[in-house]
Protein backbone atom coordinates (compact mmCIF):
# COMPACT_ATOMS: atom_id res chain seq x y z
CA MET A 1 111.47 139.49 104.87
CA SER A 2 113.31 141.91 106.86
CA TRP A 3 112.56 144.45 109.25
CA GLY A 4 112.97 148.03 108.96
CA GLY A 5 110.13 149.58 106.24
CA GLN A 6 110.35 146.55 104.23
CA GLN A 7 108.66 143.70 103.93
CA GLY A 8 108.10 142.25 107.50
CA TYR A 9 105.49 141.59 110.18
CA GLY A 10 106.35 144.70 112.80
CA ARG A 11 109.57 146.56 114.21
CA PRO A 12 112.02 145.36 117.04
CA GLY A 13 111.23 146.85 120.49
CA ALA A 14 107.84 148.95 121.09
CA PRO A 15 106.37 150.87 118.20
CA PRO A 16 106.79 154.58 119.40
CA GLN A 17 103.63 156.73 120.27
CA GLY A 18 102.08 158.13 117.16
CA GLN A 19 98.65 159.25 116.25
CA TYR A 20 96.71 156.49 117.33
CA GLY A 21 98.88 155.16 120.26
CA ALA A 22 100.50 151.73 120.69
CA ALA A 23 98.76 148.16 120.04
CA PRO A 24 97.14 145.95 122.52
CA PRO A 25 99.24 143.01 122.82
CA GLY A 26 98.65 139.27 124.42
CA GLN A 27 97.74 135.83 123.58
CA TYR A 28 95.42 136.27 121.13
CA GLY A 29 96.07 139.57 120.08
CA ALA A 30 99.18 141.66 119.43
CA PRO A 31 102.70 140.05 119.88
CA PRO A 32 104.52 139.74 122.96
CA ALA A 33 106.65 143.11 124.16
CA GLY A 34 109.89 143.88 122.88
CA GLN A 35 109.06 141.87 119.55
CA TYR A 36 107.78 142.46 116.23
CA GLY A 37 106.70 146.08 117.44
CA ALA A 38 104.18 145.70 120.44
CA PRO A 39 104.09 146.90 123.59
CA PRO A 40 103.82 144.94 127.03
CA ALA A 41 101.22 142.54 127.90
CA GLY A 42 98.22 142.75 130.13
CA GLN A 43 95.33 140.67 131.30
CA HIS A 44 91.71 140.15 129.94
CA GLY A 45 92.25 143.20 127.74
CA VAL A 46 92.13 145.87 130.76
CA PRO A 47 94.01 149.11 129.94
CA PRO A 48 96.42 150.26 129.15
CA ALA A 49 97.45 147.19 127.56
CA GLY A 50 95.04 144.06 126.41
CA GLN A 51 95.11 140.61 126.49
CA TYR A 52 93.54 138.57 123.13
CA GLY A 53 94.35 141.49 120.92
CA ALA A 54 91.59 144.16 123.26
CA PRO A 55 92.94 147.43 122.14
CA PRO A 56 93.64 149.78 125.37
CA ALA A 57 91.32 152.42 126.07
CA GLY A 58 91.94 155.72 126.59
CA ARG A 59 94.15 155.57 123.40
CA TYR A 60 91.47 155.09 120.90
CA GLY A 61 88.87 156.94 122.43
CA ALA A 62 87.07 156.96 125.80
CA PRO A 63 85.68 153.58 126.79
CA PRO A 64 82.14 152.64 127.24
CA GLN A 65 80.31 154.05 130.32
CA GLY A 66 79.49 151.06 133.14
CA GLN A 67 80.77 148.05 135.39
CA TYR A 68 82.56 145.56 132.83
CA GLY A 69 82.58 147.66 130.06
CA ALA A 70 78.94 147.59 129.38
CA PRO A 71 77.57 150.94 127.08
CA PRO A 72 74.98 153.25 128.53
CA ALA A 73 71.15 152.57 127.23
CA GLY A 74 70.61 153.27 123.63
CA GLN A 75 74.07 152.62 122.79
CA TYR A 76 75.80 149.69 121.16
CA GLY A 77 73.55 147.33 122.37
CA ALA A 78 72.07 148.21 124.97
CA PRO A 79 68.26 148.39 125.03
CA PRO A 80 66.14 149.42 123.18
CA ALA A 81 68.80 149.47 120.27
CA GLY A 82 71.80 147.04 119.21
CA GLN A 83 74.08 148.56 117.12
CA TYR A 84 77.56 146.56 117.31
CA GLY A 85 76.74 144.87 120.20
CA ALA A 86 73.56 142.54 121.84
CA SER A 87 70.17 142.76 119.83
CA ALA A 88 67.78 144.25 122.17
CA PRO A 89 66.02 141.42 124.63
CA PRO A 90 62.44 141.87 125.09
CA GLN A 91 62.18 143.10 129.12
CA ASN A 92 61.39 140.20 131.56
CA GLN A 93 61.10 137.77 128.69
CA TYR A 94 62.60 134.78 131.34
CA GLY A 95 60.85 136.52 134.42
CA ALA A 96 62.85 138.09 137.37
CA GLN A 97 65.93 136.26 138.56
CA SER A 98 68.58 137.29 140.95
CA ALA A 99 71.90 138.72 139.87
CA PRO A 100 75.22 137.21 141.17
CA TYR A 101 76.66 138.94 144.42
CA GLY A 102 78.24 142.10 142.93
CA ALA A 103 77.47 141.69 139.21
CA ASN A 104 75.96 144.34 136.90
CA PRO A 105 72.46 144.08 136.89
CA GLU A 106 72.25 145.49 133.18
CA LEU A 107 74.92 142.68 132.19
CA TRP A 108 73.09 140.15 134.08
CA HIS A 109 70.09 140.86 132.20
CA TRP A 110 72.18 140.50 128.88
CA PHE A 111 73.29 137.42 129.81
CA GLN A 112 70.18 135.77 130.46
CA THR A 113 68.58 137.11 127.43
CA VAL A 114 71.46 135.49 125.43
CA ASP A 115 70.94 132.37 127.69
CA ALA A 116 68.33 130.98 125.34
CA ASP A 117 67.63 127.80 126.63
CA ARG A 118 68.30 128.66 130.37
CA SER A 119 71.25 126.28 130.89
CA GLY A 120 73.30 128.95 132.71
CA LYS A 121 76.08 128.65 129.77
CA ILE A 122 76.26 130.68 126.64
CA THR A 123 77.02 128.54 123.35
CA ALA A 124 78.40 129.98 120.08
CA ILE A 125 75.06 129.59 118.69
CA GLU A 126 73.72 131.56 121.37
CA LEU A 127 76.23 134.37 120.93
CA GLN A 128 75.76 134.32 117.09
CA GLN A 129 72.27 135.25 117.52
CA ALA A 130 72.29 138.01 120.18
CA LEU A 131 75.35 139.90 118.62
CA LEU A 132 74.56 142.85 115.73
CA ASN A 133 77.06 144.44 113.46
CA GLY A 134 76.36 147.71 112.85
CA ASN A 135 74.16 147.27 109.33
CA TRP A 136 71.95 144.86 112.07
CA SER A 137 73.28 141.51 110.33
CA HIS A 138 74.70 139.24 112.83
CA PHE A 139 78.07 138.17 113.43
CA ASN A 140 79.31 135.54 111.48
CA PRO A 141 79.57 132.07 113.40
CA GLU A 142 83.36 131.81 113.21
CA THR A 143 83.78 134.93 114.96
CA CYS A 144 81.22 133.87 117.84
CA ARG A 145 83.23 130.40 118.08
CA LEU A 146 86.84 132.20 118.09
CA MET A 147 85.66 134.51 120.85
CA ILE A 148 83.64 131.53 123.00
CA GLY A 149 86.88 129.51 122.81
CA MET A 150 89.39 132.80 123.89
CA PHE A 151 87.34 133.19 126.84
CA ASP A 152 86.03 129.35 127.91
CA LYS A 153 88.51 128.83 130.52
CA ASP A 154 87.52 125.27 131.39
CA ARG A 155 87.38 124.64 127.72
CA ASN A 156 83.82 123.04 127.86
CA GLY A 157 82.55 125.08 124.58
CA THR A 158 80.33 127.51 126.74
CA ILE A 159 80.91 130.51 128.67
CA ASP A 160 79.77 131.34 132.31
CA PHE A 161 78.14 134.86 133.20
CA ASN A 162 81.96 135.41 134.43
CA GLU A 163 83.52 134.70 131.63
CA PHE A 164 80.85 136.35 129.37
CA SER A 165 81.39 139.68 131.29
CA ALA A 166 84.97 139.20 129.87
CA LEU A 167 84.00 139.13 126.50
CA TRP A 168 81.40 141.53 126.64
CA LYS A 169 83.91 144.22 127.90
CA TYR A 170 86.57 142.54 124.93
CA ILE A 171 83.91 143.57 122.26
CA GLN A 172 83.08 147.16 123.38
CA GLU A 173 86.60 147.94 123.68
CA TRP A 174 87.13 146.20 119.84
CA LYS A 175 84.31 148.58 119.00
CA THR A 176 85.95 151.93 120.10
CA THR A 177 88.97 150.65 118.22
CA PHE A 178 86.55 149.95 115.06
CA ASP A 179 84.99 153.27 115.55
CA ARG A 180 88.17 154.95 115.65
CA PHE A 181 89.42 153.62 112.26
CA ASP A 182 86.25 153.69 110.47
CA ARG A 183 87.12 156.99 109.03
CA ASP A 184 84.66 157.69 106.61
CA ARG A 185 81.65 156.34 109.36
CA SER A 186 80.06 153.79 106.87
CA GLY A 187 80.20 150.88 109.48
CA ASN A 188 82.82 149.38 107.72
CA ILE A 189 86.77 149.23 107.23
CA ASP A 190 88.17 149.54 103.81
CA CYS A 191 91.38 148.43 102.73
CA ASN A 192 93.13 151.85 103.77
CA GLU A 193 91.89 152.14 106.93
CA LEU A 194 92.69 148.58 107.49
CA GLN A 195 96.49 149.28 106.83
CA THR A 196 96.09 152.17 109.39
CA ALA A 197 94.76 150.23 112.13
CA LEU A 198 97.29 147.34 111.67
CA LYS A 199 100.46 149.78 111.46
CA SER A 200 99.17 151.32 114.89
CA PHE A 201 99.22 148.23 116.37
CA GLY A 202 103.01 147.43 115.15
CA TYR A 203 102.32 145.57 112.01
CA ASN A 204 104.31 146.04 108.99
CA ILE A 205 102.28 145.06 106.48
CA SER A 206 102.08 146.08 102.57
CA PRO A 207 98.82 147.21 101.21
CA GLN A 208 98.61 144.00 98.96
CA MET A 209 98.65 142.24 102.02
CA CYS A 210 95.35 144.34 103.77
CA GLN A 211 93.95 143.77 100.17
CA LEU A 212 93.99 140.16 100.55
CA MET A 213 92.82 140.39 104.21
CA VAL A 214 89.93 142.48 102.93
CA ARG A 215 88.93 140.20 100.28
CA VAL A 216 89.36 136.86 102.23
CA PHE A 217 87.45 138.32 105.30
CA ASP A 218 84.94 139.97 103.19
CA ARG A 219 81.63 138.05 103.28
CA GLU A 220 79.67 140.12 100.83
CA HIS A 221 81.88 140.76 98.53
CA ARG A 222 81.80 145.01 99.07
CA ASN A 223 85.68 144.89 99.19
CA VAL A 224 85.66 146.22 103.11
CA MET A 225 85.07 144.59 106.18
CA LYS A 226 81.94 144.67 108.98
CA PHE A 227 82.98 144.88 112.73
CA ASP A 228 83.22 141.18 113.61
CA ASP A 229 84.81 140.51 110.16
CA PHE A 230 87.61 142.89 111.45
CA ILE A 231 88.15 141.13 115.26
CA GLN A 232 88.00 137.77 113.42
CA SER A 233 91.11 139.20 110.90
CA CYS A 234 92.67 140.89 113.72
CA VAL A 235 92.81 138.27 116.20
CA LEU A 236 94.21 135.79 113.25
CA LEU A 237 97.05 137.41 112.30
CA ALA A 238 97.98 137.87 115.78
CA ASN A 239 98.09 134.15 116.46
CA LEU A 240 100.13 133.71 113.13
CA THR A 241 102.72 136.31 113.83
CA ASN A 242 102.72 134.78 117.47
CA LYS A 243 103.29 131.55 115.86
CA PHE A 244 105.54 132.87 113.71
CA GLN A 245 107.92 134.47 115.88
CA LYS A 246 108.29 131.48 117.94
CA ARG A 247 110.11 129.78 115.20
CA ASP A 248 111.91 133.03 114.12
CA THR A 249 114.64 132.36 116.34
CA ASN A 250 117.36 134.34 114.61
CA ARG A 251 114.81 137.61 114.56
CA ASN A 252 115.45 138.07 110.87
CA GLY A 253 111.95 137.52 109.57
CA TRP A 254 112.75 134.04 107.68
CA VAL A 255 111.35 130.48 109.07
CA GLU A 256 112.09 127.22 107.44
CA ILE A 257 109.07 124.58 108.21
CA GLY A 258 107.88 121.40 107.14
CA TYR A 259 104.62 120.98 105.43
CA GLU A 260 102.59 119.75 108.17
CA GLU A 261 103.38 122.15 110.56
CA PHE A 262 103.08 124.94 108.57
CA LEU A 263 99.38 123.48 108.22
CA THR A 264 99.32 123.63 111.72
CA MET A 265 100.40 126.75 112.26
CA ALA A 266 97.76 128.02 109.95
CA LEU A 267 94.42 125.43 111.32
CA ASP A 268 95.48 125.65 115.03
CA HIS A 269 93.73 128.56 116.04
């Protein structure tokens, strides 16, 4: 592989501002600044840069209204509907409970609803049961496990309210990006739309690789990606790119690794 318009995984230096702007960087998102075509990093997906692959607001469209990125009622998971967000909870399911000081009341209500066992923590299973794609299908378990791991600061396999707040904002930012590149408004991302999105993120990915990614993450064999699969594929691509770049000491797009080191790169994410 080599730089430029040939096969590769990015371009040196920050990418030029284009139709959709630059891409989100960070630990789990696009590569760090100055390498592989990504812009400077940020924190927790906060615009203009983002951690964990969260796209910057204001470049792909206006961010959701409300504190922590919580959308207005009736849109993207807020009551009464549940598109691209959480399924609508029944009101007063568990009775009133005081929100933490300074917390968004609506987001606190969502947290209580997702926390089905009332433990004060949310597991990947509870998150998966609450999140919906645009076609009303639940998020796949692997995407939920991945996102829990990204925001689980104390590494106990669950997230508390503060971690949930960051995760909610992250999902809403990705939803804005997804809608931007879902040009036919089908609720899915096809190969051409995926390549356009990845190119705007700074990745130099061939059409053949985009086709492979869609095939791998297409769980319904329709040659398209749903919202949750789009998140998972972008995060995985960023993880592998970050690991590759650490070994590409010559910055020429080539690395030499052993068999088990390769397996570690692929499995440890």
